[in-house]
């Protein structure tokens, strides 16, 4: 009987220690998971910004080389310029 009580008390002590460890370590693990999610979000943002930077560098190079097609496209899109004899049609969006 004493041997059985000794085993039970060892298991209860082990379970109590395990519960205490979980209780102590849980906030740290939650912060770890939060930081890992933040790192993933920031890495995705960095990737998007690098893609935008590459696009802007390509645009800048086209402007420096004075690429006539690129300059014409920019003039049409940004400044709404047209060639002589062209007509612009503007449509109101549905509301």
C-alpha atoms as a PDB file:
ATOM      1  CA  UNK A   1       0.000   0.000   0.000  1.00  0.00           C
ATOM      2  CA  UNK A   2       2.827   2.384   0.878  1.00  0.00           C
ATOM      3  CA  UNK A   3       4.538   1.629  -2.423  1.00  0.00           C
ATOM      4  CA  UNK A   4       1.323   2.501  -4.267  1.00  0.00           C
ATOM      5  CA  UNK A   5       0.987   5.783  -2.345  1.00  0.00           C
ATOM      6  CA  UNK A   6       4.632   6.558  -3.108  1.00  0.00           C
ATOM      7  CA  UNK A   7       4.066   6.042  -6.851  1.00  0.00           C
ATOM      8  CA  UNK A   8       0.881   8.132  -6.811  1.00  0.00           C
ATOM      9  CA  UNK A   9       2.608  10.957  -4.958  1.00  0.00           C
ATOM     10  CA  UNK A  10       5.488  10.896  -7.490  1.00  0.00           C
ATOM     11  CA  UNK A  11       3.017  11.115 -10.389  1.00  0.00           C
ATOM     12  CA  UNK A  12       1.110  13.921  -8.688  1.00  0.00           C
ATOM     13  CA  UNK A  13       4.354  15.806  -8.058  1.00  0.00           C
ATOM     14  CA  UNK A  14       5.386  15.303 -11.685  1.00  0.00           C
ATOM     15  CA  UNK A  15       1.973  16.500 -12.909  1.00  0.00           C
ATOM     16  CA  UNK A  16       2.151  19.561 -10.633  1.00  0.00           C
ATOM     17  CA  UNK A  17       5.643  20.421 -11.891  1.00  0.00           C
ATOM     18  CA  UNK A  18       4.520  19.972 -15.479  1.00  0.00           C
ATOM     19  CA  UNK A  19       1.481  22.209 -14.910  1.00  0.00           C
ATOM     20  CA  UNK A  20       3.690  24.854 -13.268  1.00  0.00           C
ATOM     21  CA  UNK A  21       6.100  24.792 -16.213  1.00  0.00           C
ATOM     22  CA  UNK A  22       3.242  25.178 -18.701  1.00  0.00           C
ATOM     23  CA  UNK A  23       1.777  28.019 -16.648  1.00  0.00           C
ATOM     24  CA  UNK A  24       5.135  29.822 -16.489  1.00  0.00           C
ATOM     25  CA  UNK A  25       6.156  29.268 -20.130  1.00  0.00           C
ATOM     26  CA  UNK A  26       2.775  29.929 -21.819  1.00  0.00           C
ATOM     27  CA  UNK A  27       3.058  33.763 -21.982  1.00  0.00           C
ATOM     28  CA  UNK A  28       6.543  33.499 -23.470  1.00  0.00           C
ATOM     29  CA  UNK A  29       5.334  31.029 -26.089  1.00  0.00           C
ATOM     30  CA  UNK A  30       2.398  33.301 -26.953  1.00  0.00           C
ATOM     31  CA  UNK A  31       4.829  36.191 -27.513  1.00  0.00           C
ATOM     32  CA  UNK A  32       7.024  33.924 -29.641  1.00  0.00           C
ATOM     33  CA  UNK A  33       4.073  33.018 -31.880  1.00  0.00           C
ATOM     34  CA  UNK A  34       3.066  36.684 -32.103  1.00  0.00           C
ATOM     35  CA  UNK A  35       6.597  37.671 -33.132  1.00  0.00           C
ATOM     36  CA  UNK A  36       6.792  34.889 -35.725  1.00  0.00           C
ATOM     37  CA  UNK A  37       3.530  36.132 -37.276  1.00  0.00           C
ATOM     38  CA  UNK A  38       4.872  39.699 -37.279  1.00  0.00           C
ATOM     39  CA  UNK A  39       8.082  38.521 -38.967  1.00  0.00           C
ATOM     40  CA  UNK A  40       6.052  36.769 -41.665  1.00  0.00           C
ATOM     41  CA  UNK A  41       3.970  39.893 -42.269  1.00  0.00           C
ATOM     42  CA  UNK A  42       7.074  42.098 -42.441  1.00  0.00           C
ATOM     43  CA  UNK A  43       8.834  39.716 -44.839  1.00  0.00           C
ATOM     44  CA  UNK A  44       5.817  39.836 -47.160  1.00  0.00           C
ATOM     45  CA  UNK A  45       5.823  43.636 -46.942  1.00  0.00           C
ATOM     46  CA  UNK A  46       9.552  43.731 -47.739  1.00  0.00           C
ATOM     47  CA  UNK A  47       8.992  41.494 -50.761  1.00  0.00           C
ATOM     48  CA  UNK A  48       6.216  43.779 -52.045  1.00  0.00           C
ATOM     49  CA  UNK A  49       8.355  46.880 -51.512  1.00  0.00           C
ATOM     50  CA  UNK A  50      11.298  45.300 -53.320  1.00  0.00           C
ATOM     51  CA  UNK A  51       9.048  44.487 -56.282  1.00  0.00           C
ATOM     52  CA  UNK A  52       7.805  48.088 -56.326  1.00  0.00           C
ATOM     53  CA  UNK A  53      11.384  49.370 -56.123  1.00  0.00           C
ATOM     54  CA  UNK A  54      12.383  47.189 -59.098  1.00  0.00           C
ATOM     55  CA  UNK A  55       9.428  48.548 -61.084  1.00  0.00           C
ATOM     56  CA  UNK A  56      10.343  52.138 -60.206  1.00  0.00           C
ATOM     57  CA  UNK A  57      13.975  51.565 -61.171  1.00  0.00           C
ATOM     58  CA  UNK A  58      12.799  50.195 -64.521  1.00  0.00           C
ATOM     59  CA  UNK A  59      10.599  53.274 -65.008  1.00  0.00           C
ATOM     60  CA  UNK A  60      13.482  55.564 -64.044  1.00  0.00           C
ATOM     61  CA  UNK A  61      15.793  53.833 -66.498  1.00  0.00           C
ATOM     62  CA  UNK A  62      13.214  54.237 -69.277  1.00  0.00           C
ATOM     63  CA  UNK A  63      12.983  57.956 -68.486  1.00  0.00           C
ATOM     64  CA  UNK A  64      16.767  58.377 -68.383  1.00  0.00           C
ATOM     65  CA  UNK A  65      17.078  56.638 -71.749  1.00  0.00           C
ATOM     66  CA  UNK A  66      14.278  58.883 -73.037  1.00  0.00           C
ATOM     67  CA  UNK A  67      12.276  55.930 -74.344  1.00  0.00           C
ATOM     68  CA  UNK A  68       9.658  57.614 -76.567  1.00  0.00           C
ATOM     69  CA  UNK A  69       7.015  54.889 -76.123  1.00  0.00           C
ATOM     70  CA  UNK A  70       7.274  55.039 -72.344  1.00  0.00           C
ATOM     71  CA  UNK A  71       7.160  58.839 -72.274  1.00  0.00           C
ATOM     72  CA  UNK A  72       4.110  58.849 -74.558  1.00  0.00           C
ATOM     73  CA  UNK A  73       2.341  56.316 -72.358  1.00  0.00           C
ATOM     74  CA  UNK A  74       3.068  58.398 -69.252  1.00  0.00           C
ATOM     75  CA  UNK A  75       1.823  61.568 -70.952  1.00  0.00           C
ATOM     76  CA  UNK A  76      -1.417  59.837 -71.940  1.00  0.00           C
ATOM     77  CA  UNK A  77      -2.020  58.182 -68.558  1.00  0.00           C
ATOM     78  CA  UNK A  78      -0.878  60.877 -66.128  1.00  0.00           C
ATOM     79  CA  UNK A  79      -1.452  64.112 -68.032  1.00  0.00           C
ATOM     80  CA  UNK A  80      -4.349  62.946 -70.254  1.00  0.00           C
ATOM     81  CA  UNK A  81      -2.621  64.309 -73.369  1.00  0.00           C
ATOM     82  CA  UNK A  82      -3.723  63.286 -76.856  1.00  0.00           C
ATOM     83  CA  UNK A  83      -2.284  63.463 -80.333  1.00  0.00           C
ATOM     84  CA  UNK A  84      -3.796  65.943 -82.760  1.00  0.00           C
ATOM     85  CA  UNK A  85      -7.023  64.550 -84.207  1.00  0.00           C
ATOM     86  CA  UNK A  86      -7.662  62.100 -81.358  1.00  0.00           C
ATOM     87  CA  UNK A  87     -10.750  62.293 -79.196  1.00  0.00           C
ATOM     88  CA  UNK A  88     -10.966  61.295 -75.547  1.00  0.00           C
ATOM     89  CA  UNK A  89     -14.100  59.568 -74.337  1.00  0.00           C
ATOM     90  CA  UNK A  90     -14.738  59.672 -70.605  1.00  0.00           C
ATOM     91  CA  UNK A  91     -17.375  57.505 -69.010  1.00  0.00           C
ATOM     92  CA  UNK A  92     -18.959  58.129 -65.631  1.00  0.00           C
ATOM     93  CA  UNK A  93     -18.801  55.101 -63.334  1.00  0.00           C
ATOM     94  CA  UNK A  94     -22.101  53.499 -62.356  1.00  0.00           C
ATOM     95  CA  UNK A  95     -23.347  54.561 -58.983  1.00  0.00           C
END
